[in-house]
Amino acid sequence: MSALATMSDEVLAFSTEQASRLSKLSVRQLRYWDDTEFFSPEYAPGYRHGSFSRVYSFRDVVGLFVIGLLRKRYKVPLQELRRVGAYLHRYHMTPWSSLALFVRNKTIIFREPDGSDAYVSTRPPGQMVIPIELEQIARTVREAAAQLRHRRAEQIGKVERNRLVVHNKPVLAGTRVPTSAVWNLHKAGFSTNSIITEYPRLKAEDVSAAIAFEQSRRKKKVG
């Protein structure tokens, strides 16, 4: 994967920094868990160098959110958290609505997705358990992920570089749209409105800023 997936209807891939924000776990914690093979991102090649060598899937982030919740709020020990990671990995392709787990005295009880009355535990859940519905958590993470797309007013019409975004190419602030892409459309005869149709997150100020930036950069190269 050469770059992180764009945030369209549902974010499919996240950098370590984005996964940290969404899971409410520190970057240091995520990297430690990755290094110790407690929880590694889905898109993790053998090498560990480069901006995009560790990329978390949406289900990874939901799993991290769950583990963080159990660790911080319910003080579940590491041994139990490892079982949670194994459970989520085992049912990686199972709909969220079929998955659930329960906290009972810092012990985790898992519901088998094949039947609501089947549990992976020697003790079935009783009245003194706390349910953790993964479908609800997935919805919470999805809503938080959507907020990552929100652009602040001060980002409109600004150009920036970020080593984690499009290989450090100049982009419109708060987006993954390279200024060169806007320039190419402009040179091809696209109007501002037509460019915005191609990139709905952009504003007219963004288009003007991208064109001005590319014009200035080309003048410098000629000079």
C-alpha atoms as a PDB file:
ATOM      1  CA  MET A   1       0.000   0.000   0.000  1.00  0.00           C
ATOM      2  CA  SER A   2       1.592   3.240  -1.133  1.00  0.00           C
ATOM      3  CA  ALA A   3      -0.695   5.571   0.815  1.00  0.00           C
ATOM      4  CA  LEU A   4      -3.482   5.537   3.343  1.00  0.00           C
ATOM      5  CA  ALA A   5      -6.976   5.119   1.981  1.00  0.00           C
ATOM      6  CA  THR A   6      -8.945   8.314   1.637  1.00  0.00           C
ATOM      7  CA  MET A   7     -11.730   8.898   4.115  1.00  0.00           C
ATOM      8  CA  SER A   8     -14.833   8.404   2.019  1.00  0.00           C
ATOM      9  CA  ASP A   9     -18.036   6.881   3.416  1.00  0.00           C
ATOM     10  CA  GLU A  10     -16.040   4.753   5.855  1.00  0.00           C
ATOM     11  CA  VAL A  11     -12.356   5.009   6.597  1.00  0.00           C
ATOM     12  CA  LEU A  12     -10.689   1.733   5.716  1.00  0.00           C
ATOM     13  CA  ALA A  13      -7.113   2.414   6.739  1.00  0.00           C
ATOM     14  CA  PHE A  14      -5.442   4.527   9.390  1.00  0.00           C
ATOM     15  CA  SER A  15      -1.958   5.662  10.298  1.00  0.00           C
ATOM     16  CA  THR A  16      -0.656   4.912  13.786  1.00  0.00           C
ATOM     17  CA  GLU A  17      -1.404   8.510  14.781  1.00  0.00           C
ATOM     18  CA  GLN A  18      -5.005   8.259  13.549  1.00  0.00           C
ATOM     19  CA  ALA A  19      -5.492   4.898  15.266  1.00  0.00           C
ATOM     20  CA  SER A  20      -4.201   6.485  18.472  1.00  0.00           C
ATOM     21  CA  ARG A  21      -6.718   9.327  18.291  1.00  0.00           C
ATOM     22  CA  LEU A  22      -9.641   7.022  17.571  1.00  0.00           C
ATOM     23  CA  SER A  23      -8.796   4.280  20.081  1.00  0.00           C
ATOM     24  CA  LYS A  24      -7.807   6.770  22.812  1.00  0.00           C
ATOM     25  CA  LEU A  25      -4.532   4.900  23.289  1.00  0.00           C
ATOM     26  CA  SER A  26      -1.140   6.568  23.045  1.00  0.00           C
ATOM     27  CA  VAL A  27       1.079   6.152  19.999  1.00  0.00           C
ATOM     28  CA  ARG A  28       3.728   4.782  22.346  1.00  0.00           C
ATOM     29  CA  GLN A  29       1.289   2.138  23.607  1.00  0.00           C
ATOM     30  CA  LEU A  30       0.300   1.085  20.094  1.00  0.00           C
ATOM     31  CA  ARG A  31       3.928   0.792  19.006  1.00  0.00           C
ATOM     32  CA  TYR A  32       4.816  -1.233  22.100  1.00  0.00           C
ATOM     33  CA  TRP A  33       1.930  -3.626  21.486  1.00  0.00           C
ATOM     34  CA  ASP A  34       2.995  -3.922  17.862  1.00  0.00           C
ATOM     35  CA  ASP A  35       6.644  -4.571  18.770  1.00  0.00           C
ATOM     36  CA  THR A  36       5.668  -7.237  21.312  1.00  0.00           C
ATOM     37  CA  GLU A  37       3.174  -8.796  18.869  1.00  0.00           C
ATOM     38  CA  PHE A  38       0.322  -8.254  21.300  1.00  0.00           C
ATOM     39  CA  PHE A  39      -1.660  -6.304  18.696  1.00  0.00           C
ATOM     40  CA  SER A  40      -0.223  -5.564  15.258  1.00  0.00           C
ATOM     41  CA  PRO A  41      -1.966  -3.649  12.451  1.00  0.00           C
ATOM     42  CA  GLU A  42      -3.566  -5.642   9.657  1.00  0.00           C
ATOM     43  CA  TYR A  43      -1.413  -4.033   6.980  1.00  0.00           C
ATOM     44  CA  ALA A  44       2.020  -4.600   8.462  1.00  0.00           C
ATOM     45  CA  PRO A  45       4.755  -5.857   6.125  1.00  0.00           C
ATOM     46  CA  GLY A  46       7.941  -7.374   7.473  1.00  0.00           C
ATOM     47  CA  TYR A  47       9.861  -4.115   7.273  1.00  0.00           C
ATOM     48  CA  ARG A  48       9.149  -1.301   9.728  1.00  0.00           C
ATOM     49  CA  HIS A  49      10.629   1.685   7.926  1.00  0.00           C
ATOM     50  CA  GLY A  50       8.726   4.350   6.028  1.00  0.00           C
ATOM     51  CA  SER A  51       5.616   6.395   6.698  1.00  0.00           C
ATOM     52  CA  PHE A  52       3.181   3.720   5.556  1.00  0.00           C
ATOM     53  CA  SER A  53       4.745   0.539   6.906  1.00  0.00           C
ATOM     54  CA  ARG A  54       2.153   0.209   9.706  1.00  0.00           C
ATOM     55  CA  VAL A  55      -1.451   0.767   8.649  1.00  0.00           C
ATOM     56  CA  TYR A  56      -4.456  -0.141  10.809  1.00  0.00           C
ATOM     57  CA  SER A  57      -7.758  -1.333   9.359  1.00  0.00           C
ATOM     58  CA  PHE A  58     -11.126  -0.112  10.646  1.00  0.00           C
ATOM     59  CA  ARG A  59     -11.627  -3.396  12.513  1.00  0.00           C
ATOM     60  CA  ASP A  60      -8.164  -3.009  14.041  1.00  0.00           C
ATOM     61  CA  VAL A  61      -9.178   0.362  15.469  1.00  0.00           C
ATOM     62  CA  VAL A  62     -12.440  -1.017  16.861  1.00  0.00           C
ATOM     63  CA  GLY A  63     -10.482  -3.832  18.493  1.00  0.00           C
ATOM     64  CA  LEU A  64      -8.021  -1.366  20.006  1.00  0.00           C
ATOM     65  CA  PHE A  65     -10.894   0.770  21.301  1.00  0.00           C
ATOM     66  CA  VAL A  66     -12.389  -2.296  23.006  1.00  0.00           C
ATOM     67  CA  ILE A  67      -9.070  -3.358  24.525  1.00  0.00           C
ATOM     68  CA  GLY A  68      -8.384   0.185  25.717  1.00  0.00           C
ATOM     69  CA  LEU A  69     -11.829   0.393  27.305  1.00  0.00           C
ATOM     70  CA  LEU A  70     -11.356  -2.912  29.117  1.00  0.00           C
ATOM     71  CA  ARG A  71      -7.877  -1.943  30.264  1.00  0.00           C
ATOM     72  CA  LYS A  72      -8.634   1.567  31.504  1.00  0.00           C
ATOM     73  CA  ARG A  73     -12.207   1.386  32.786  1.00  0.00           C
ATOM     74  CA  TYR A  74     -12.486  -2.209  33.949  1.00  0.00           C
ATOM     75  CA  LYS A  75      -8.816  -2.899  34.839  1.00  0.00           C
ATOM     76  CA  VAL A  76      -8.805  -6.163  32.913  1.00  0.00           C
ATOM     77  CA  PRO A  77      -5.352  -7.811  33.135  1.00  0.00           C
ATOM     78  CA  LEU A  78      -3.114  -8.373  30.139  1.00  0.00           C
ATOM     79  CA  GLN A  79      -3.741 -12.120  30.041  1.00  0.00           C
ATOM     80  CA  GLU A  80      -7.456 -11.516  29.544  1.00  0.00           C
ATOM     81  CA  LEU A  81      -6.801  -8.784  26.987  1.00  0.00           C
ATOM     82  CA  ARG A  82      -4.789 -11.253  24.923  1.00  0.00           C
ATOM     83  CA  ARG A  83      -7.884 -13.459  24.793  1.00  0.00           C
ATOM     84  CA  VAL A  84      -9.890 -10.475  23.542  1.00  0.00           C
ATOM     85  CA  GLY A  85      -7.377  -9.903  20.746  1.00  0.00           C
ATOM     86  CA  ALA A  86      -7.527 -13.580  19.782  1.00  0.00           C
ATOM     87  CA  TYR A  87     -11.349 -13.515  19.783  1.00  0.00           C
ATOM     88  CA  LEU A  88     -11.499 -10.476  17.494  1.00  0.00           C
ATOM     89  CA  HIS A  89      -8.890 -11.992  15.181  1.00  0.00           C
ATOM     90  CA  ARG A  90     -10.727 -15.319  15.043  1.00  0.00           C
ATOM     91  CA  TYR A  91     -13.993 -13.679  13.985  1.00  0.00           C
ATOM     92  CA  HIS A  92     -12.394 -10.990  11.831  1.00  0.00           C
ATOM     93  CA  MET A  93     -14.986 -11.344   9.054  1.00  0.00           C
ATOM     94  CA  THR A  94     -18.020 -11.738  11.330  1.00  0.00           C
ATOM     95  CA  PRO A  95     -20.623  -8.917  11.433  1.00  0.00           C
ATOM     96  CA  TRP A  96     -20.345  -6.726  14.518  1.00  0.00           C
ATOM     97  CA  SER A  97     -23.957  -7.476  15.450  1.00  0.00           C
ATOM     98  CA  SER A  98     -23.008 -11.115  16.091  1.00  0.00           C
ATOM     99  CA  LEU A  99     -20.129 -10.301  18.436  1.00  0.00           C
ATOM    100  CA  ALA A 100     -20.293  -9.396  22.101  1.00  0.00           C
ATOM    101  CA  LEU A 101     -18.330  -9.919  25.272  1.00  0.00           C
ATOM    102  CA  PHE A 102     -19.006  -9.499  28.962  1.00  0.00           C
ATOM    103  CA  VAL A 103     -16.884  -8.324  31.881  1.00  0.00           C
ATOM    104  CA  ARG A 104     -17.199 -10.248  35.119  1.00  0.00           C
ATOM    105  CA  ASN A 105     -14.777  -9.538  37.950  1.00  0.00           C
ATOM    106  CA  LYS A 106     -12.006  -8.589  35.486  1.00  0.00           C
ATOM    107  CA  THR A 107     -12.660 -11.800  33.559  1.00  0.00           C
ATOM    108  CA  ILE A 108     -13.939 -11.723  29.980  1.00  0.00           C
ATOM    109  CA  ILE A 109     -16.768 -13.937  28.783  1.00  0.00           C
ATOM    110  CA  PHE A 110     -17.238 -14.159  25.015  1.00  0.00           C
ATOM    111  CA  ARG A 111     -20.398 -14.811  23.074  1.00  0.00           C
ATOM    112  CA  GLU A 112     -20.016 -17.227  20.187  1.00  0.00           C
ATOM    113  CA  PRO A 113     -21.423 -15.621  17.012  1.00  0.00           C
ATOM    114  CA  ASP A 114     -23.112 -18.911  16.014  1.00  0.00           C
ATOM    115  CA  GLY A 115     -25.699 -18.526  18.759  1.00  0.00           C
ATOM    116  CA  SER A 116     -26.650 -15.927  21.348  1.00  0.00           C
ATOM    117  CA  ASP A 117     -26.736 -18.569  24.092  1.00  0.00           C
ATOM    118  CA  ALA A 118     -23.303 -20.046  23.362  1.00  0.00           C
ATOM    119  CA  TYR A 119     -20.425 -18.653  25.401  1.00  0.00           C
ATOM    120  CA  VAL A 120     -16.693 -19.273  25.474  1.00  0.00           C
ATOM    121  CA  SER A 121     -16.399 -19.644  29.229  1.00  0.00           C
ATOM    122  CA  THR A 122     -16.813 -22.199  31.979  1.00  0.00           C
ATOM    123  CA  ARG A 123     -19.135 -19.686  33.641  1.00  0.00           C
ATOM    124  CA  PRO A 124     -22.010 -18.271  31.571  1.00  0.00           C
ATOM    125  CA  PRO A 125     -22.830 -14.597  32.166  1.00  0.00           C
ATOM    126  CA  GLY A 126     -25.249 -13.933  34.997  1.00  0.00           C
ATOM    127  CA  GLN A 127     -26.694 -10.831  36.551  1.00  0.00           C
ATOM    128  CA  MET A 128     -23.331  -9.398  37.698  1.00  0.00           C
ATOM    129  CA  VAL A 129     -21.779  -8.902  34.270  1.00  0.00           C
ATOM    130  CA  ILE A 130     -21.205  -5.840  32.112  1.00  0.00           C
ATOM    131  CA  PRO A 131     -22.051  -6.313  28.411  1.00  0.00           C
ATOM    132  CA  ILE A 132     -19.777  -4.858  25.722  1.00  0.00           C
ATOM    133  CA  GLU A 133     -21.671  -4.689  22.431  1.00  0.00           C
ATOM    134  CA  LEU A 134     -19.183  -4.475  19.583  1.00  0.00           C
ATOM    135  CA  GLU A 135     -21.757  -3.162  17.120  1.00  0.00           C
ATOM    136  CA  GLN A 136     -22.267  -0.081  19.293  1.00  0.00           C
ATOM    137  CA  ILE A 137     -18.525   0.437  19.670  1.00  0.00           C
ATOM    138  CA  ALA A 138     -18.041   0.114  15.904  1.00  0.00           C
ATOM    139  CA  ARG A 139     -20.690   2.813  15.428  1.00  0.00           C
ATOM    140  CA  THR A 140     -18.914   5.076  17.918  1.00  0.00           C
ATOM    141  CA  VAL A 141     -15.560   4.607  16.180  1.00  0.00           C
ATOM    142  CA  ARG A 142     -17.134   5.192  12.757  1.00  0.00           C
ATOM    143  CA  GLU A 143     -18.620   8.491  13.929  1.00  0.00           C
ATOM    144  CA  ALA A 144     -15.277   9.551  15.391  1.00  0.00           C
ATOM    145  CA  ALA A 145     -13.516   8.586  12.161  1.00  0.00           C
ATOM    146  CA  ALA A 146     -15.910  10.761  10.203  1.00  0.00           C
ATOM    147  CA  GLN A 147     -14.789  13.717  12.319  1.00  0.00           C
ATOM    148  CA  LEU A 148     -11.265  13.254  10.987  1.00  0.00           C
ATOM    149  CA  ARG A 149     -12.609  14.471   7.666  1.00  0.00           C
ATOM    150  CA  HIS A 150     -13.841  17.748   9.103  1.00  0.00           C
ATOM    151  CA  ARG A 151     -11.769  20.703   7.938  1.00  0.00           C
ATOM    152  CA  ARG A 152     -11.236  23.701  10.156  1.00  0.00           C
ATOM    153  CA  ALA A 153     -11.937  27.171   8.772  1.00  0.00           C
ATOM    154  CA  GLU A 154      -8.256  28.109   8.929  1.00  0.00           C
ATOM    155  CA  GLN A 155      -7.380  25.167   6.654  1.00  0.00           C
ATOM    156  CA  ILE A 156      -9.457  26.423   3.725  1.00  0.00           C
ATOM    157  CA  GLY A 157      -7.237  27.866   0.996  1.00  0.00           C
ATOM    158  CA  LYS A 158      -4.018  26.665   2.639  1.00  0.00           C
ATOM    159  CA  VAL A 159      -1.315  24.369   1.269  1.00  0.00           C
ATOM    160  CA  GLU A 160       0.648  22.048   3.537  1.00  0.00           C
ATOM    161  CA  ARG A 161       3.052  19.125   3.558  1.00  0.00           C
ATOM    162  CA  ASN A 162       2.900  16.127   5.870  1.00  0.00           C
ATOM    163  CA  ARG A 163       5.291  13.186   5.743  1.00  0.00           C
ATOM    164  CA  LEU A 164       2.346  10.840   6.410  1.00  0.00           C
ATOM    165  CA  VAL A 165       0.191  12.236   3.609  1.00  0.00           C
ATOM    166  CA  VAL A 166       0.798  11.414  -0.072  1.00  0.00           C
ATOM    167  CA  HIS A 167       4.537  10.980   0.436  1.00  0.00           C
ATOM    168  CA  ASN A 168       5.052  14.560   1.632  1.00  0.00           C
ATOM    169  CA  LYS A 169       3.681  16.115  -1.561  1.00  0.00           C
ATOM    170  CA  PRO A 170       2.028  19.558  -1.248  1.00  0.00           C
ATOM    171  CA  VAL A 171      -1.693  19.062  -0.544  1.00  0.00           C
ATOM    172  CA  LEU A 172      -4.648  21.256   0.342  1.00  0.00           C
ATOM    173  CA  ALA A 173      -4.691  21.503   4.142  1.00  0.00           C
ATOM    174  CA  GLY A 174      -6.962  18.984   5.820  1.00  0.00           C
ATOM    175  CA  THR A 175      -7.223  16.830   2.679  1.00  0.00           C
ATOM    176  CA  ARG A 176      -5.191  14.349   0.683  1.00  0.00           C
ATOM    177  CA  VAL A 177      -5.662  16.279  -2.565  1.00  0.00           C
ATOM    178  CA  PRO A 178      -2.273  17.212  -4.084  1.00  0.00           C
ATOM    179  CA  THR A 179      -1.977  20.702  -5.480  1.00  0.00           C
ATOM    180  CA  SER A 180      -0.517  19.107  -8.613  1.00  0.00           C
ATOM    181  CA  ALA A 181      -3.813  17.238  -9.184  1.00  0.00           C
ATOM    182  CA  VAL A 182      -5.743  20.515  -9.097  1.00  0.00           C
ATOM    183  CA  TRP A 183      -3.164  22.099 -11.400  1.00  0.00           C
ATOM    184  CA  ASN A 184      -3.446  19.284 -13.931  1.00  0.00           C
ATOM    185  CA  LEU A 185      -7.227  19.683 -14.080  1.00  0.00           C
ATOM    186  CA  HIS A 186      -6.842  23.440 -14.376  1.00  0.00           C
ATOM    187  CA  LYS A 187      -4.424  23.055 -17.296  1.00  0.00           C
ATOM    188  CA  ALA A 188      -6.827  20.594 -18.914  1.00  0.00           C
ATOM    189  CA  GLY A 189      -9.471  23.331 -19.029  1.00  0.00           C
ATOM    190  CA  PHE A 190     -11.545  22.382 -15.971  1.00  0.00           C
ATOM    191  CA  SER A 191     -13.367  25.278 -14.322  1.00  0.00           C
ATOM    192  CA  THR A 192     -13.272  25.816 -10.561  1.00  0.00           C
ATOM    193  CA  ASN A 193     -16.725  24.266 -10.197  1.00  0.00           C
ATOM    194  CA  SER A 194     -15.690  21.277 -12.300  1.00  0.00           C
ATOM    195  CA  ILE A 195     -12.605  20.727 -10.133  1.00  0.00           C
ATOM    196  CA  ILE A 196     -14.757  20.859  -7.006  1.00  0.00           C
ATOM    197  CA  THR A 197     -17.047  18.274  -8.596  1.00  0.00           C
ATOM    198  CA  GLU A 198     -14.014  15.999  -8.901  1.00  0.00           C
ATOM    199  CA  TYR A 199     -12.914  16.766  -5.324  1.00  0.00           C
ATOM    200  CA  PRO A 200     -16.079  17.617  -3.314  1.00  0.00           C
ATOM    201  CA  ARG A 201     -14.159  18.454  -0.124  1.00  0.00           C
ATOM    202  CA  LEU A 202     -12.484  21.413  -1.780  1.00  0.00           C
ATOM    203  CA  LYS A 203     -13.683  25.011  -1.763  1.00  0.00           C
ATOM    204  CA  ALA A 204     -13.121  27.702  -4.386  1.00  0.00           C
ATOM    205  CA  GLU A 205     -10.388  29.168  -2.150  1.00  0.00           C
ATOM    206  CA  ASP A 206      -8.602  25.799  -2.231  1.00  0.00           C
ATOM    207  CA  VAL A 207      -8.624  25.680  -6.005  1.00  0.00           C
ATOM    208  CA  SER A 208      -7.234  29.214  -6.238  1.00  0.00           C
ATOM    209  CA  ALA A 209      -4.564  28.450  -3.630  1.00  0.00           C
ATOM    210  CA  ALA A 210      -3.485  25.253  -5.412  1.00  0.00           C
ATOM    211  CA  ILE A 211      -3.210  26.996  -8.785  1.00  0.00           C
ATOM    212  CA  ALA A 212      -1.272  29.917  -7.314  1.00  0.00           C
ATOM    213  CA  PHE A 213       1.069  27.537  -5.481  1.00  0.00           C
ATOM    214  CA  GLU A 214       1.790  25.478  -8.595  1.00  0.00           C
ATOM    215  CA  GLN A 215       2.287  28.593 -10.731  1.00  0.00           C
ATOM    216  CA  SER A 216       4.792  29.969  -8.199  1.00  0.00           C
ATOM    217  CA  ARG A 217       6.629  26.671  -7.965  1.00  0.00           C
ATOM    218  CA  ARG A 218       6.961  26.424 -11.737  1.00  0.00           C
ATOM    219  CA  LYS A 219       8.267  30.003 -11.994  1.00  0.00           C
ATOM    220  CA  LYS A 220      10.958  29.170  -9.438  1.00  0.00           C
ATOM    221  CA  LYS A 221      12.023  26.110 -11.433  1.00  0.00           C
ATOM    222  CA  VAL A 222      12.286  28.162 -14.621  1.00  0.00           C
ATOM    223  CA  GLY A 223      14.220  30.890 -12.813  1.00  0.00           C
END
